[in-house]
Amino acid sequence: MVVTLEEAKCYLRQDSSDDDALIEKLIVTAEKMCLDVARSSEVPDNTPEYEVAVWYAIAYLYEHREEADHNELMLTLRSLLSGSREAVF
């Protein structure tokens, strides 16, 4: 995993453990979404844009958990990861 629970909680400014299970699931979901957008089966090496995309996805999913616009999220992830997307035909 690119992001640990403690890092995500710090980034989201969450001190309590009330949402730990949710945040752990969001980390896994965000990383899977970013891998799918990057068209990769493993985390790309030395790609800060991948890590930024994961952070963005975690924060977006957490903050908009009730009314998320997944189309908007995916468009942003595609923009962030456009340089590291694998060409697939």
C-alpha atoms as a PDB file:
ATOM      1  CA  MET A   1       0.000   0.000   0.000  1.00  0.00           C
ATOM      2  CA  VAL A   2       1.161   3.488  -0.834  1.00  0.00           C
ATOM      3  CA  VAL A   3      -0.716   5.100   2.072  1.00  0.00           C
ATOM      4  CA  THR A   4      -0.957   3.796   5.636  1.00  0.00           C
ATOM      5  CA  LEU A   5      -3.943   4.258   7.919  1.00  0.00           C
ATOM      6  CA  GLU A   6      -2.009   6.651  10.140  1.00  0.00           C
ATOM      7  CA  GLU A   7      -0.904   8.766   7.158  1.00  0.00           C
ATOM      8  CA  ALA A   8      -4.447   8.908   5.832  1.00  0.00           C
ATOM      9  CA  LYS A   9      -5.861   9.883   9.226  1.00  0.00           C
ATOM     10  CA  CYS A  10      -3.289  12.648   9.507  1.00  0.00           C
ATOM     11  CA  TYR A  11      -4.063  13.869   5.983  1.00  0.00           C
ATOM     12  CA  LEU A  12      -7.802  13.808   6.705  1.00  0.00           C
ATOM     13  CA  ARG A  13      -7.215  15.458  10.102  1.00  0.00           C
ATOM     14  CA  GLN A  14      -8.929  12.633  11.968  1.00  0.00           C
ATOM     15  CA  ASP A  15      -7.807  12.055  15.548  1.00  0.00           C
ATOM     16  CA  SER A  16     -10.349   9.502  16.686  1.00  0.00           C
ATOM     17  CA  SER A  17     -10.507   5.863  15.692  1.00  0.00           C
ATOM     18  CA  ASP A  18     -14.239   6.038  14.931  1.00  0.00           C
ATOM     19  CA  ASP A  19     -13.730   5.969  11.153  1.00  0.00           C
ATOM     20  CA  ASP A  20     -10.676   3.680  10.988  1.00  0.00           C
ATOM     21  CA  ALA A  21     -12.506   0.833   9.245  1.00  0.00           C
ATOM     22  CA  LEU A  22     -13.982   3.228   6.700  1.00  0.00           C
ATOM     23  CA  ILE A  23     -10.646   4.929   6.046  1.00  0.00           C
ATOM     24  CA  GLU A  24      -8.911   1.564   5.557  1.00  0.00           C
ATOM     25  CA  LYS A  25     -11.519   0.617   2.958  1.00  0.00           C
ATOM     26  CA  LEU A  26     -11.144   3.982   1.253  1.00  0.00           C
ATOM     27  CA  ILE A  27      -7.370   3.495   1.027  1.00  0.00           C
ATOM     28  CA  VAL A  28      -7.826   0.141  -0.723  1.00  0.00           C
ATOM     29  CA  THR A  29     -10.543   1.555  -2.982  1.00  0.00           C
ATOM     30  CA  ALA A  30      -8.513   4.654  -3.895  1.00  0.00           C
ATOM     31  CA  GLU A  31      -5.436   2.592  -4.744  1.00  0.00           C
ATOM     32  CA  LYS A  32      -7.501   0.194  -6.875  1.00  0.00           C
ATOM     33  CA  MET A  33      -9.150   3.103  -8.692  1.00  0.00           C
ATOM     34  CA  CYS A  34      -5.755   4.678  -9.403  1.00  0.00           C
ATOM     35  CA  LEU A  35      -4.319   1.392 -10.668  1.00  0.00           C
ATOM     36  CA  ASP A  36      -7.332   0.986 -12.948  1.00  0.00           C
ATOM     37  CA  VAL A  37      -6.961   4.518 -14.310  1.00  0.00           C
ATOM     38  CA  ALA A  38      -3.213   3.992 -14.779  1.00  0.00           C
ATOM     39  CA  ARG A  39      -3.999   0.678 -16.517  1.00  0.00           C
ATOM     40  CA  SER A  40      -1.529  -1.096 -14.288  1.00  0.00           C
ATOM     41  CA  SER A  41      -1.613  -4.160 -12.077  1.00  0.00           C
ATOM     42  CA  GLU A  42       1.094  -2.931  -9.707  1.00  0.00           C
ATOM     43  CA  VAL A  43       2.027   0.377  -8.150  1.00  0.00           C
ATOM     44  CA  PRO A  44       4.296   2.325 -10.513  1.00  0.00           C
ATOM     45  CA  ASP A  45       7.808   2.982  -9.168  1.00  0.00           C
ATOM     46  CA  ASN A  46       8.951   6.524  -8.460  1.00  0.00           C
ATOM     47  CA  THR A  47       5.756   8.188  -9.638  1.00  0.00           C
ATOM     48  CA  PRO A  48       4.738  10.972  -7.280  1.00  0.00           C
ATOM     49  CA  GLU A  49       1.677  11.653  -9.416  1.00  0.00           C
ATOM     50  CA  TYR A  50       0.350   8.202  -8.505  1.00  0.00           C
ATOM     51  CA  GLU A  51       0.728   8.935  -4.794  1.00  0.00           C
ATOM     52  CA  VAL A  52      -0.931  12.347  -5.190  1.00  0.00           C
ATOM     53  CA  ALA A  53      -3.807  10.715  -7.068  1.00  0.00           C
ATOM     54  CA  VAL A  54      -4.276   8.198  -4.244  1.00  0.00           C
ATOM     55  CA  TRP A  55      -4.277  10.989  -1.648  1.00  0.00           C
ATOM     56  CA  TYR A  56      -6.805  12.934  -3.722  1.00  0.00           C
ATOM     57  CA  ALA A  57      -9.083   9.922  -4.133  1.00  0.00           C
ATOM     58  CA  ILE A  58      -9.007   9.094  -0.416  1.00  0.00           C
ATOM     59  CA  ALA A  59      -9.860  12.657   0.548  1.00  0.00           C
ATOM     60  CA  TYR A  60     -12.567  12.962  -2.109  1.00  0.00           C
ATOM     61  CA  LEU A  61     -14.235   9.697  -1.164  1.00  0.00           C
ATOM     62  CA  TYR A  62     -14.084  10.545   2.540  1.00  0.00           C
ATOM     63  CA  GLU A  63     -15.382  14.103   2.232  1.00  0.00           C
ATOM     64  CA  HIS A  64     -18.092  13.233  -0.313  1.00  0.00           C
ATOM     65  CA  ARG A  65     -19.105   9.819   1.021  1.00  0.00           C
ATOM     66  CA  GLU A  66     -22.792  10.730   0.905  1.00  0.00           C
ATOM     67  CA  GLU A  67     -22.938  12.561  -2.452  1.00  0.00           C
ATOM     68  CA  ALA A  68     -19.824  11.713  -4.460  1.00  0.00           C
ATOM     69  CA  ASP A  69     -19.698  12.558  -8.148  1.00  0.00           C
ATOM     70  CA  HIS A  70     -17.693   9.569  -9.354  1.00  0.00           C
ATOM     71  CA  ASN A  71     -17.500  10.905 -12.904  1.00  0.00           C
ATOM     72  CA  GLU A  72     -15.783  14.045 -11.616  1.00  0.00           C
ATOM     73  CA  LEU A  73     -13.445  11.947  -9.473  1.00  0.00           C
ATOM     74  CA  MET A  74     -12.469   9.680 -12.370  1.00  0.00           C
ATOM     75  CA  LEU A  75     -11.852  12.642 -14.697  1.00  0.00           C
ATOM     76  CA  THR A  76      -9.541  14.197 -12.118  1.00  0.00           C
ATOM     77  CA  LEU A  77      -7.697  10.907 -11.576  1.00  0.00           C
ATOM     78  CA  ARG A  78      -7.258  10.526 -15.348  1.00  0.00           C
ATOM     79  CA  SER A  79      -5.804  14.023 -15.485  1.00  0.00           C
ATOM     80  CA  LEU A  80      -3.436  13.354 -12.592  1.00  0.00           C
ATOM     81  CA  LEU A  81      -2.313  10.008 -13.989  1.00  0.00           C
ATOM     82  CA  SER A  82      -2.280  10.803 -17.700  1.00  0.00           C
ATOM     83  CA  GLY A  83       1.528  10.774 -17.841  1.00  0.00           C
ATOM     84  CA  SER A  84       1.836   7.342 -16.285  1.00  0.00           C
ATOM     85  CA  ARG A  85      -1.042   5.554 -18.004  1.00  0.00           C
ATOM     86  CA  GLU A  86       0.037   2.470 -19.882  1.00  0.00           C
ATOM     87  CA  ALA A  87      -0.961   2.321 -23.535  1.00  0.00           C
ATOM     88  CA  VAL A  88      -3.484  -0.440 -24.027  1.00  0.00           C
ATOM     89  CA  PHE A  89      -5.017  -1.287 -27.357  1.00  0.00           C
END
